Amino acid sequence: MKKKFNPLDEADNKKYLDELCVWIGENLDAPLGLNELITRTNLSSTDLQYLFEKYKQTTPMTYIRRTRESNKKYLISKERIAPIFIGN
């Protein structure tokens, strides 16, 4: 059963999304797509899209891509996102 969030409970919804974003940051090496987020949160894709749009002003996949781009150990190509480890 999919989790239902309460659109009137802003604080809980934002906290839930913030916790998911921390998890995303900790799992950038793993394949992350909408299906993985749905499995992780037990929310519907519509609910996930809504939360990211409301609190992050972006889509879940754009959030993941931008998080990877801001992480210096990843290089982004237009073809696909892949972790590339750069030694120091």
N, C-alpha and C. Protein backbone atom coordinates (compact mmCIF):
# COMPACT_ATOMS: atom_id res chain seq x y z
N MET A 1 0.84 -1.18 0.00
CA MET A 1 0.00 0.00 0.00
C MET A 1 0.89 1.25 0.00
N LYS A 2 0.57 2.19 -0.85
CA LYS A 2 1.33 3.42 -0.94
C LYS A 2 1.03 4.32 0.25
N LYS A 3 2.08 4.99 0.72
CA LYS A 3 1.92 5.94 1.81
C LYS A 3 1.19 7.16 1.27
N LYS A 4 0.32 7.69 2.06
CA LYS A 4 -0.36 8.92 1.70
C LYS A 4 0.18 10.04 2.57
N PHE A 5 0.52 11.13 1.95
CA PHE A 5 0.97 12.25 2.74
C PHE A 5 -0.18 13.23 2.89
N ASN A 6 -0.13 14.02 3.94
CA ASN A 6 -1.18 14.98 4.22
C ASN A 6 -0.77 16.33 3.64
N PRO A 7 -1.43 16.79 2.59
CA PRO A 7 -1.03 18.06 1.98
C PRO A 7 -1.17 19.25 2.92
N LEU A 8 -1.91 19.09 4.00
CA LEU A 8 -2.07 20.17 4.97
C LEU A 8 -0.97 20.17 6.02
N ASP A 9 -0.22 19.09 6.13
CA ASP A 9 0.82 18.98 7.14
C ASP A 9 2.17 19.31 6.51
N GLU A 10 2.40 20.59 6.28
CA GLU A 10 3.59 21.07 5.57
C GLU A 10 4.89 20.63 6.25
N ALA A 11 4.96 20.74 7.58
CA ALA A 11 6.20 20.45 8.30
C ALA A 11 6.59 18.98 8.12
N ASP A 12 5.65 18.06 8.27
CA ASP A 12 5.95 16.64 8.11
C ASP A 12 6.34 16.31 6.68
N ASN A 13 5.65 16.89 5.71
CA ASN A 13 5.97 16.63 4.31
C ASN A 13 7.37 17.13 3.97
N LYS A 14 7.72 18.32 4.43
CA LYS A 14 9.05 18.87 4.15
C LYS A 14 10.12 18.03 4.84
N LYS A 15 9.88 17.62 6.07
CA LYS A 15 10.84 16.78 6.80
C LYS A 15 11.04 15.45 6.06
N TYR A 16 9.95 14.86 5.60
CA TYR A 16 10.01 13.59 4.88
C TYR A 16 10.85 13.74 3.61
N LEU A 17 10.63 14.83 2.87
CA LEU A 17 11.40 15.06 1.65
C LEU A 17 12.86 15.34 1.98
N ASP A 18 13.12 16.10 3.03
CA ASP A 18 14.50 16.37 3.43
C ASP A 18 15.24 15.08 3.77
N GLU A 19 14.55 14.16 4.46
CA GLU A 19 15.16 12.87 4.79
C GLU A 19 15.44 12.07 3.52
N LEU A 20 14.54 12.13 2.55
CA LEU A 20 14.76 11.45 1.28
C LEU A 20 15.95 12.05 0.55
N CYS A 21 16.09 13.35 0.58
CA CYS A 21 17.21 14.02 -0.09
C CYS A 21 18.54 13.65 0.56
N VAL A 22 18.56 13.47 1.87
CA VAL A 22 19.77 13.00 2.55
C VAL A 22 20.10 11.59 2.05
N TRP A 23 19.08 10.74 1.96
CA TRP A 23 19.28 9.38 1.47
C TRP A 23 19.82 9.39 0.04
N ILE A 24 19.27 10.27 -0.80
CA ILE A 24 19.75 10.38 -2.18
C ILE A 24 21.23 10.74 -2.17
N GLY A 25 21.60 11.71 -1.36
CA GLY A 25 23.00 12.13 -1.28
C GLY A 25 23.93 11.03 -0.82
N GLU A 26 23.43 10.15 0.02
CA GLU A 26 24.23 9.03 0.52
C GLU A 26 24.29 7.87 -0.46
N ASN A 27 23.46 7.88 -1.49
CA ASN A 27 23.37 6.77 -2.43
C ASN A 27 23.60 7.17 -3.88
N LEU A 28 24.42 8.18 -4.09
CA LEU A 28 24.67 8.65 -5.45
C LEU A 28 25.38 7.62 -6.31
N ASP A 29 26.07 6.66 -5.69
CA ASP A 29 26.76 5.63 -6.46
C ASP A 29 25.80 4.56 -6.97
N ALA A 30 24.62 4.50 -6.41
CA ALA A 30 23.63 3.49 -6.80
C ALA A 30 22.79 4.02 -7.97
N PRO A 31 22.23 3.12 -8.75
CA PRO A 31 21.29 3.58 -9.78
C PRO A 31 20.08 4.20 -9.09
N LEU A 32 19.80 5.45 -9.37
CA LEU A 32 18.66 6.13 -8.77
C LEU A 32 17.73 6.63 -9.86
N GLY A 33 16.53 6.15 -9.81
CA GLY A 33 15.50 6.58 -10.73
C GLY A 33 14.20 6.71 -9.97
N LEU A 34 13.16 7.07 -10.67
CA LEU A 34 11.87 7.25 -10.03
C LEU A 34 11.40 5.96 -9.35
N ASN A 35 11.65 4.81 -9.97
CA ASN A 35 11.24 3.54 -9.36
C ASN A 35 11.93 3.29 -8.03
N GLU A 36 13.21 3.63 -7.94
CA GLU A 36 13.93 3.45 -6.67
C GLU A 36 13.38 4.39 -5.60
N LEU A 37 13.02 5.61 -5.98
CA LEU A 37 12.44 6.55 -5.02
C LEU A 37 11.06 6.09 -4.55
N ILE A 38 10.28 5.56 -5.47
CA ILE A 38 8.96 5.04 -5.12
C ILE A 38 9.10 3.88 -4.14
N THR A 39 10.03 2.97 -4.44
CA THR A 39 10.28 1.83 -3.55
C THR A 39 10.74 2.31 -2.18
N ARG A 40 11.65 3.26 -2.16
CA ARG A 40 12.21 3.77 -0.90
C ARG A 40 11.15 4.46 -0.04
N THR A 41 10.31 5.27 -0.65
CA THR A 41 9.36 6.09 0.10
C THR A 41 7.98 5.45 0.26
N ASN A 42 7.66 4.55 -0.64
CA ASN A 42 6.32 3.97 -0.69
C ASN A 42 5.26 5.02 -1.04
N LEU A 43 5.69 6.10 -1.70
CA LEU A 43 4.78 7.11 -2.21
C LEU A 43 4.50 6.84 -3.68
N SER A 44 3.44 7.40 -4.18
CA SER A 44 3.17 7.29 -5.62
C SER A 44 4.09 8.25 -6.37
N SER A 45 4.24 8.03 -7.66
CA SER A 45 5.08 8.93 -8.46
C SER A 45 4.49 10.34 -8.46
N THR A 46 3.17 10.45 -8.45
CA THR A 46 2.52 11.76 -8.42
C THR A 46 2.84 12.49 -7.12
N ASP A 47 2.78 11.78 -6.00
CA ASP A 47 3.10 12.40 -4.71
C ASP A 47 4.57 12.84 -4.66
N LEU A 48 5.47 12.01 -5.18
CA LEU A 48 6.89 12.39 -5.22
C LEU A 48 7.11 13.62 -6.08
N GLN A 49 6.50 13.63 -7.25
CA GLN A 49 6.63 14.78 -8.15
C GLN A 49 6.12 16.05 -7.46
N TYR A 50 4.99 15.92 -6.78
CA TYR A 50 4.40 17.06 -6.08
C TYR A 50 5.33 17.59 -4.99
N LEU A 51 5.88 16.69 -4.16
CA LEU A 51 6.75 17.12 -3.07
C LEU A 51 8.01 17.81 -3.59
N PHE A 52 8.63 17.24 -4.61
CA PHE A 52 9.84 17.86 -5.16
C PHE A 52 9.51 19.22 -5.78
N GLU A 53 8.42 19.31 -6.49
CA GLU A 53 8.05 20.59 -7.10
C GLU A 53 7.75 21.64 -6.03
N LYS A 54 7.03 21.26 -5.00
CA LYS A 54 6.63 22.21 -3.95
C LYS A 54 7.81 22.69 -3.11
N TYR A 55 8.67 21.77 -2.71
CA TYR A 55 9.72 22.12 -1.74
C TYR A 55 11.11 22.30 -2.37
N LYS A 56 11.35 21.77 -3.54
CA LYS A 56 12.66 21.89 -4.19
C LYS A 56 12.58 22.63 -5.52
N GLN A 57 11.37 22.94 -5.99
CA GLN A 57 11.13 23.61 -7.25
C GLN A 57 11.81 22.90 -8.43
N THR A 58 11.75 21.59 -8.40
CA THR A 58 12.34 20.78 -9.47
C THR A 58 11.68 19.41 -9.48
N THR A 59 12.09 18.58 -10.40
CA THR A 59 11.59 17.21 -10.45
C THR A 59 12.57 16.30 -9.68
N PRO A 60 12.13 15.11 -9.29
CA PRO A 60 13.05 14.20 -8.59
C PRO A 60 14.31 13.88 -9.40
N MET A 61 14.17 13.62 -10.69
CA MET A 61 15.32 13.24 -11.50
C MET A 61 16.27 14.42 -11.72
N THR A 62 15.73 15.61 -11.87
CA THR A 62 16.58 16.79 -12.00
C THR A 62 17.32 17.03 -10.69
N TYR A 63 16.64 16.81 -9.57
CA TYR A 63 17.30 16.96 -8.27
C TYR A 63 18.48 15.99 -8.16
N ILE A 64 18.27 14.74 -8.55
CA ILE A 64 19.35 13.74 -8.50
C ILE A 64 20.49 14.15 -9.42
N ARG A 65 20.18 14.57 -10.64
CA ARG A 65 21.22 14.98 -11.59
C ARG A 65 22.01 16.16 -11.05
N ARG A 66 21.33 17.15 -10.52
CA ARG A 66 22.03 18.33 -9.99
C ARG A 66 22.87 17.98 -8.76
N THR A 67 22.38 17.07 -7.95
CA THR A 67 23.15 16.63 -6.79
C THR A 67 24.42 15.93 -7.24
N ARG A 68 24.30 15.10 -8.26
CA ARG A 68 25.49 14.43 -8.81
C ARG A 68 26.45 15.44 -9.43
N GLU A 69 25.91 16.43 -10.14
CA GLU A 69 26.75 17.44 -10.76
C GLU A 69 27.53 18.24 -9.71
N SER A 70 26.92 18.49 -8.57
CA SER A 70 27.58 19.27 -7.53
C SER A 70 28.60 18.44 -6.75
N ASN A 71 28.56 17.13 -6.92
CA ASN A 71 29.51 16.24 -6.27
C ASN A 71 30.69 16.08 -7.22
N LYS A 72 31.86 16.48 -6.80
CA LYS A 72 33.02 16.53 -7.69
C LYS A 72 33.50 15.19 -8.20
N LYS A 73 33.06 14.10 -7.60
CA LYS A 73 33.55 12.81 -8.09
C LYS A 73 32.73 12.28 -9.27
N TYR A 74 31.75 13.04 -9.73
CA TYR A 74 30.93 12.63 -10.86
C TYR A 74 31.16 13.57 -12.03
N LEU A 75 31.23 12.99 -13.22
CA LEU A 75 31.23 13.77 -14.44
C LEU A 75 29.95 13.43 -15.17
N ILE A 76 29.31 14.42 -15.73
CA ILE A 76 28.02 14.22 -16.37
C ILE A 76 28.19 14.35 -17.89
N SER A 77 27.69 13.37 -18.60
CA SER A 77 27.66 13.47 -20.05
C SER A 77 26.21 13.64 -20.47
N LYS A 78 26.01 14.08 -21.67
CA LYS A 78 24.64 14.24 -22.16
C LYS A 78 23.99 12.89 -22.43
N GLU A 79 24.81 11.86 -22.59
CA GLU A 79 24.28 10.53 -22.90
C GLU A 79 23.65 9.88 -21.67
N ARG A 80 24.37 9.88 -20.55
CA ARG A 80 23.84 9.27 -19.34
C ARG A 80 24.68 9.71 -18.16
N ILE A 81 24.15 9.55 -16.98
CA ILE A 81 24.86 9.90 -15.77
C ILE A 81 25.59 8.65 -15.29
N ALA A 82 26.89 8.79 -15.05
CA ALA A 82 27.67 7.64 -14.59
C ALA A 82 28.70 8.13 -13.59
N PRO A 83 28.91 7.38 -12.50
CA PRO A 83 29.95 7.78 -11.56
C PRO A 83 31.32 7.55 -12.18
N ILE A 84 32.15 8.56 -12.09
CA ILE A 84 33.53 8.45 -12.54
C ILE A 84 34.38 8.96 -11.39
N PHE A 85 35.20 8.08 -10.86
CA PHE A 85 36.01 8.44 -9.70
C PHE A 85 37.31 9.08 -10.17
N ILE A 86 37.59 10.23 -9.62
CA ILE A 86 38.79 10.97 -9.97
C ILE A 86 39.72 10.96 -8.77
N GLY A 87 40.91 10.40 -8.95
CA GLY A 87 41.88 10.31 -7.86
C GLY A 87 42.49 11.66 -7.57
N ASN A 88 42.86 11.85 -6.31
CA ASN A 88 43.53 13.10 -5.91
C ASN A 88 45.01 12.91 -5.86
